Amino acid sequence: MTFIATKWTIDDYHRMIAAGILEERKVELLKGEIVEMSPEGEPHAYCSDEAGEYLSELLGKRAKIRQAKPITLPNDSEPEPDIAVVQRLGREYREHHPYVENIFWVIEYSNSSLEKDLERKSKIYAEAGIAEYWVVNLKTLHLIVFREPLNGDYATKFTLATGIIKPLAFGDIDVLVEQIINK
C-alpha cells in the first residue's frame, strides 16, 4: 500500500478555518503541512508581550506590531510568529494577513520549540524572502539574529546577549537587546 502525504495550499487552509475544522486547535501552516503549535508558558507569554510593547513605543507610527497573528508567505506557509513588525496598512488587513512585502521583520520566542524555530522556520522565512528574523532563546536569554536571505537560508547569523541592535528596516533606531530578551 502506498501512502501519499497531502500538502495543503493557503486557500485549502483558509477554507478549513472558515469551515470550523481547525477551530479547537492551535495550528499553523508550514510549507503545506498543518503543524501543532507549542503551548505558551509564562516566560514566553511575558517576554513576547513586554517586547511587543517596547517595540510599539519605540517605532511609534512607523510600524505596526502584530503579536501571535498569522502572516501569509508564498511557500504555502502561514505561520503565526510571536511578533511581526509590519507596515501600517489599516483596514487592508481585513482582507489579507501581511505578505512578505509588508513585513519588516519577525520574532519568535523559543523554549520547547527552539529547534523548529532555528531550523525549519528560519528556512521558511528565508525562502519567502523575510529580510530579518530574530529568535529569542528563553533558556539562555540570547537573541539569535538571521539576516540576508539567500538560496533558502540566511547568509548572516549572529547571537547577542546584551547591547544594541539596529533593525535593517530602521537603521536609525537603537533596539536594546535586554528589552527584547527581558533579562
C-alpha atoms as a PDB file:
ATOM      1  CA  MET A   1       0.000   0.000   0.000  1.00  0.00           C
ATOM      2  CA  THR A   2       1.340   3.453  -0.923  1.00  0.00           C
ATOM      3  CA  PHE A   3       0.640   6.463   1.243  1.00  0.00           C
ATOM      4  CA  ILE A   4       0.531   9.917  -0.257  1.00  0.00           C
ATOM      5  CA  ALA A   5       1.352  12.832   2.012  1.00  0.00           C
ATOM      6  CA  THR A   6      -1.119  15.625   1.468  1.00  0.00           C
ATOM      7  CA  LYS A   7       0.216  19.148   1.154  1.00  0.00           C
ATOM      8  CA  TRP A   8      -2.253  21.956   1.761  1.00  0.00           C
ATOM      9  CA  THR A   9      -2.356  25.290  -0.016  1.00  0.00           C
ATOM     10  CA  ILE A  10      -3.098  28.531   1.760  1.00  0.00           C
ATOM     11  CA  ASP A  11      -6.548  28.521   0.117  1.00  0.00           C
ATOM     12  CA  ASP A  12      -7.205  24.975   1.441  1.00  0.00           C
ATOM     13  CA  TYR A  13      -6.084  26.088   4.892  1.00  0.00           C
ATOM     14  CA  HIS A  14      -8.347  29.167   4.831  1.00  0.00           C
ATOM     15  CA  ARG A  15     -11.309  27.015   3.770  1.00  0.00           C
ATOM     16  CA  MET A  16     -10.675  24.657   6.719  1.00  0.00           C
ATOM     17  CA  ILE A  17     -10.547  27.635   9.079  1.00  0.00           C
ATOM     18  CA  ALA A  18     -13.754  29.098   7.622  1.00  0.00           C
ATOM     19  CA  ALA A  19     -15.492  25.727   7.924  1.00  0.00           C
ATOM     20  CA  GLY A  20     -14.511  25.470  11.603  1.00  0.00           C
ATOM     21  CA  ILE A  21     -12.442  22.306  11.085  1.00  0.00           C
ATOM     22  CA  LEU A  22      -9.453  23.737  12.953  1.00  0.00           C
ATOM     23  CA  GLU A  23     -11.489  25.703  15.497  1.00  0.00           C
ATOM     24  CA  GLU A  24     -10.292  23.989  18.668  1.00  0.00           C
ATOM     25  CA  ARG A  25      -6.688  23.558  17.548  1.00  0.00           C
ATOM     26  CA  LYS A  26      -3.673  25.836  17.812  1.00  0.00           C
ATOM     27  CA  VAL A  27      -2.002  25.218  14.467  1.00  0.00           C
ATOM     28  CA  GLU A  28      -0.095  26.962  11.707  1.00  0.00           C
ATOM     29  CA  LEU A  29       0.628  26.114   8.069  1.00  0.00           C
ATOM     30  CA  LEU A  30       4.302  25.435   7.313  1.00  0.00           C
ATOM     31  CA  LYS A  31       5.255  24.524   3.736  1.00  0.00           C
ATOM     32  CA  GLY A  32       1.873  22.916   3.136  1.00  0.00           C
ATOM     33  CA  GLU A  33       1.762  20.981   6.424  1.00  0.00           C
ATOM     34  CA  ILE A  34      -0.628  21.800   9.251  1.00  0.00           C
ATOM     35  CA  VAL A  35       1.557  21.801  12.358  1.00  0.00           C
ATOM     36  CA  GLU A  36       0.511  21.957  16.021  1.00  0.00           C
ATOM     37  CA  MET A  37       1.948  24.928  17.884  1.00  0.00           C
ATOM     38  CA  SER A  38       3.641  24.510  21.259  1.00  0.00           C
ATOM     39  CA  PRO A  39       1.717  25.767  24.280  1.00  0.00           C
ATOM     40  CA  GLU A  40       2.885  29.149  25.547  1.00  0.00           C
ATOM     41  CA  GLY A  41       4.438  29.073  29.031  1.00  0.00           C
ATOM     42  CA  GLU A  42       4.653  32.038  31.375  1.00  0.00           C
ATOM     43  CA  PRO A  43       8.177  33.204  30.373  1.00  0.00           C
ATOM     44  CA  HIS A  44       7.225  33.022  26.696  1.00  0.00           C
ATOM     45  CA  ALA A  45       3.998  34.989  27.179  1.00  0.00           C
ATOM     46  CA  TYR A  46       5.633  37.582  29.442  1.00  0.00           C
ATOM     47  CA  CYS A  47       8.727  38.190  27.300  1.00  0.00           C
ATOM     48  CA  SER A  48       6.944  38.419  23.960  1.00  0.00           C
ATOM     49  CA  ASP A  49       4.261  40.709  25.400  1.00  0.00           C
ATOM     50  CA  GLU A  50       6.802  43.063  27.016  1.00  0.00           C
ATOM     51  CA  ALA A  51       8.951  43.150  23.862  1.00  0.00           C
ATOM     52  CA  GLY A  52       5.875  43.882  21.740  1.00  0.00           C
ATOM     53  CA  GLU A  53       5.007  46.848  23.951  1.00  0.00           C
ATOM     54  CA  TYR A  54       8.601  48.087  23.872  1.00  0.00           C
ATOM     55  CA  LEU A  55       8.812  47.881  20.063  1.00  0.00           C
ATOM     56  CA  SER A  56       5.442  49.568  19.701  1.00  0.00           C
ATOM     57  CA  GLU A  57       6.622  52.514  21.810  1.00  0.00           C
ATOM     58  CA  LEU A  58       9.998  52.621  20.057  1.00  0.00           C
ATOM     59  CA  LEU A  59       8.653  52.510  16.491  1.00  0.00           C
ATOM     60  CA  GLY A  60       5.513  54.561  17.094  1.00  0.00           C
ATOM     61  CA  LYS A  61       3.579  55.194  13.877  1.00  0.00           C
ATOM     62  CA  ARG A  62       6.400  53.856  11.670  1.00  0.00           C
ATOM     63  CA  ALA A  63       5.287  50.223  12.018  1.00  0.00           C
ATOM     64  CA  LYS A  64       2.580  48.032  13.490  1.00  0.00           C
ATOM     65  CA  ILE A  65       3.419  45.303  15.986  1.00  0.00           C
ATOM     66  CA  ARG A  66       1.283  42.187  15.456  1.00  0.00           C
ATOM     67  CA  GLN A  67       1.539  39.629  18.236  1.00  0.00           C
ATOM     68  CA  ALA A  68       0.751  35.960  17.592  1.00  0.00           C
ATOM     69  CA  LYS A  69      -1.130  36.741  14.377  1.00  0.00           C
ATOM     70  CA  PRO A  70      -0.712  34.990  11.011  1.00  0.00           C
ATOM     71  CA  ILE A  71       1.443  36.198   8.156  1.00  0.00           C
ATOM     72  CA  THR A  72       0.938  34.807   4.651  1.00  0.00           C
ATOM     73  CA  LEU A  73       4.009  33.603   2.764  1.00  0.00           C
ATOM     74  CA  PRO A  74       4.246  32.447  -0.854  1.00  0.00           C
ATOM     75  CA  ASN A  75       5.634  28.989   0.047  1.00  0.00           C
ATOM     76  CA  ASP A  76       2.265  27.630   1.280  1.00  0.00           C
ATOM     77  CA  SER A  77       3.059  28.835   4.769  1.00  0.00           C
ATOM     78  CA  GLU A  78       1.004  30.846   7.198  1.00  0.00           C
ATOM     79  CA  PRO A  79       2.994  30.888  10.427  1.00  0.00           C
ATOM     80  CA  GLU A  80       1.998  32.877  13.498  1.00  0.00           C
ATOM     81  CA  PRO A  81       5.203  34.491  14.752  1.00  0.00           C
ATOM     82  CA  ASP A  82       5.191  35.798  18.300  1.00  0.00           C
ATOM     83  CA  ILE A  83       5.888  39.274  16.911  1.00  0.00           C
ATOM     84  CA  ALA A  84       5.666  40.535  13.346  1.00  0.00           C
ATOM     85  CA  VAL A  85       6.792  44.099  12.709  1.00  0.00           C
ATOM     86  CA  VAL A  86       4.772  45.145   9.676  1.00  0.00           C
ATOM     87  CA  GLN A  87       3.668  48.119   7.610  1.00  0.00           C
ATOM     88  CA  ARG A  88       0.676  50.027   8.884  1.00  0.00           C
ATOM     89  CA  LEU A  89      -1.940  49.195   6.253  1.00  0.00           C
ATOM     90  CA  GLY A  90      -5.006  49.677   8.443  1.00  0.00           C
ATOM     91  CA  ARG A  91      -8.197  48.107   7.125  1.00  0.00           C
ATOM     92  CA  GLU A  92      -6.326  46.343   4.316  1.00  0.00           C
ATOM     93  CA  TYR A  93      -5.538  43.646   6.901  1.00  0.00           C
ATOM     94  CA  ARG A  94      -9.276  42.843   6.990  1.00  0.00           C
ATOM     95  CA  GLU A  95      -8.756  41.376   3.509  1.00  0.00           C
ATOM     96  CA  HIS A  96      -5.423  39.591   3.994  1.00  0.00           C
ATOM     97  CA  HIS A  97      -2.725  38.920   6.556  1.00  0.00           C
ATOM     98  CA  PRO A  98       0.603  40.702   5.989  1.00  0.00           C
ATOM     99  CA  TYR A  99       2.518  39.456   2.956  1.00  0.00           C
ATOM    100  CA  VAL A 100       6.329  39.378   2.691  1.00  0.00           C
ATOM    101  CA  GLU A 101       6.384  42.863   1.165  1.00  0.00           C
ATOM    102  CA  ASN A 102       4.514  44.187   4.228  1.00  0.00           C
ATOM    103  CA  ILE A 103       6.882  42.628   6.797  1.00  0.00           C
ATOM    104  CA  PHE A 104       9.921  44.427   8.237  1.00  0.00           C
ATOM    105  CA  TRP A 105      10.982  41.531  10.491  1.00  0.00           C
ATOM    106  CA  VAL A 106       9.612  38.724  12.656  1.00  0.00           C
ATOM    107  CA  ILE A 107      10.497  37.459  16.124  1.00  0.00           C
ATOM    108  CA  GLU A 108       9.938  34.049  17.708  1.00  0.00           C
ATOM    109  CA  TYR A 109      10.305  33.297  21.418  1.00  0.00           C
ATOM    110  CA  SER A 110      11.516  29.752  21.907  1.00  0.00           C
ATOM    111  CA  ASN A 111      11.764  27.299  24.711  1.00  0.00           C
ATOM    112  CA  SER A 112      10.488  23.862  23.677  1.00  0.00           C
ATOM    113  CA  SER A 113      10.212  24.956  20.016  1.00  0.00           C
ATOM    114  CA  LEU A 114      13.821  26.160  19.692  1.00  0.00           C
ATOM    115  CA  GLU A 115      14.942  23.548  17.160  1.00  0.00           C
ATOM    116  CA  LYS A 116      11.875  24.167  14.970  1.00  0.00           C
ATOM    117  CA  ASP A 117      12.382  27.939  15.116  1.00  0.00           C
ATOM    118  CA  LEU A 118      16.120  27.821  14.407  1.00  0.00           C
ATOM    119  CA  GLU A 119      15.948  25.228  11.636  1.00  0.00           C
ATOM    120  CA  ARG A 120      12.583  24.803   9.963  1.00  0.00           C
ATOM    121  CA  LYS A 121      11.130  28.270  10.426  1.00  0.00           C
ATOM    122  CA  SER A 122      14.386  30.070   9.581  1.00  0.00           C
ATOM    123  CA  LYS A 123      14.438  28.269   6.236  1.00  0.00           C
ATOM    124  CA  ILE A 124      10.749  29.012   5.581  1.00  0.00           C
ATOM    125  CA  TYR A 125      11.256  32.708   6.355  1.00  0.00           C
ATOM    126  CA  ALA A 126      14.464  32.872   4.287  1.00  0.00           C
ATOM    127  CA  GLU A 127      12.878  31.073   1.324  1.00  0.00           C
ATOM    128  CA  ALA A 128       9.958  33.510   1.439  1.00  0.00           C
ATOM    129  CA  GLY A 129      12.329  36.491   1.484  1.00  0.00           C
ATOM    130  CA  ILE A 130      11.812  37.836   5.021  1.00  0.00           C
ATOM    131  CA  ALA A 131      14.825  40.166   5.327  1.00  0.00           C
ATOM    132  CA  GLU A 132      15.336  39.746   9.068  1.00  0.00           C
ATOM    133  CA  TYR A 133      14.322  37.090  11.594  1.00  0.00           C
ATOM    134  CA  TRP A 134      15.038  37.090  15.324  1.00  0.00           C
ATOM    135  CA  VAL A 135      14.784  34.136  17.698  1.00  0.00           C
ATOM    136  CA  VAL A 136      14.890  34.626  21.467  1.00  0.00           C
ATOM    137  CA  ASN A 137      16.245  31.538  23.213  1.00  0.00           C
ATOM    138  CA  LEU A 138      14.356  31.652  26.510  1.00  0.00           C
ATOM    139  CA  LYS A 139      16.674  29.069  28.112  1.00  0.00           C
ATOM    140  CA  THR A 140      19.904  31.049  27.602  1.00  0.00           C
ATOM    141  CA  LEU A 141      18.370  34.534  27.188  1.00  0.00           C
ATOM    142  CA  HIS A 142      20.147  35.100  23.887  1.00  0.00           C
ATOM    143  CA  LEU A 143      18.903  36.858  20.778  1.00  0.00           C
ATOM    144  CA  ILE A 144      19.783  34.990  17.580  1.00  0.00           C
ATOM    145  CA  VAL A 145      19.599  37.234  14.530  1.00  0.00           C
ATOM    146  CA  PHE A 146      19.190  35.970  10.968  1.00  0.00           C
ATOM    147  CA  ARG A 147      19.685  38.362   8.034  1.00  0.00           C
ATOM    148  CA  GLU A 148      20.135  38.373   4.275  1.00  0.00           C
ATOM    149  CA  PRO A 149      18.016  35.567   2.855  1.00  0.00           C
ATOM    150  CA  LEU A 150      19.969  33.708   0.185  1.00  0.00           C
ATOM    151  CA  ASN A 151      19.007  30.466  -1.587  1.00  0.00           C
ATOM    152  CA  GLY A 152      16.524  29.353   1.076  1.00  0.00           C
ATOM    153  CA  ASP A 153      18.732  30.130   4.060  1.00  0.00           C
ATOM    154  CA  TYR A 154      20.155  33.175   5.792  1.00  0.00           C
ATOM    155  CA  ALA A 155      23.662  34.318   4.846  1.00  0.00           C
ATOM    156  CA  THR A 156      24.224  36.071   8.164  1.00  0.00           C
ATOM    157  CA  LYS A 157      23.550  34.712  11.657  1.00  0.00           C
ATOM    158  CA  PHE A 158      24.816  36.091  14.958  1.00  0.00           C
ATOM    159  CA  THR A 159      23.941  35.897  18.650  1.00  0.00           C
ATOM    160  CA  LEU A 160      23.625  38.727  21.182  1.00  0.00           C
ATOM    161  CA  ALA A 161      23.107  38.730  24.942  1.00  0.00           C
ATOM    162  CA  THR A 162      23.391  42.489  25.540  1.00  0.00           C
ATOM    163  CA  GLY A 163      23.903  45.716  23.667  1.00  0.00           C
ATOM    164  CA  ILE A 164      22.094  47.454  20.859  1.00  0.00           C
ATOM    165  CA  ILE A 165      20.844  46.162  17.527  1.00  0.00           C
ATOM    166  CA  LYS A 166      19.686  48.294  14.621  1.00  0.00           C
ATOM    167  CA  PRO A 167      16.971  46.531  12.606  1.00  0.00           C
ATOM    168  CA  LEU A 168      17.685  46.504   8.874  1.00  0.00           C
ATOM    169  CA  ALA A 169      14.408  48.277   8.111  1.00  0.00           C
ATOM    170  CA  PHE A 170      15.039  51.018  10.680  1.00  0.00           C
ATOM    171  CA  GLY A 171      18.764  51.738  10.761  1.00  0.00           C
ATOM    172  CA  ASP A 172      18.173  54.908  12.760  1.00  0.00           C
ATOM    173  CA  ILE A 173      16.529  53.025  15.652  1.00  0.00           C
ATOM    174  CA  ASP A 174      18.506  51.539  18.546  1.00  0.00           C
ATOM    175  CA  VAL A 175      16.828  48.430  19.964  1.00  0.00           C
ATOM    176  CA  LEU A 176      18.117  47.397  23.372  1.00  0.00           C
ATOM    177  CA  VAL A 177      18.727  43.646  23.308  1.00  0.00           C
ATOM    178  CA  GLU A 178      17.875  43.413  27.011  1.00  0.00           C
ATOM    179  CA  GLN A 179      14.383  44.794  26.258  1.00  0.00           C
ATOM    180  CA  ILE A 180      13.809  42.060  23.648  1.00  0.00           C
ATOM    181  CA  ILE A 181      15.074  39.177  25.762  1.00  0.00           C
ATOM    182  CA  ASN A 182      13.750  40.674  29.027  1.00  0.00           C
ATOM    183  CA  LYS A 183      16.788  39.839  31.146  1.00  0.00           C
END
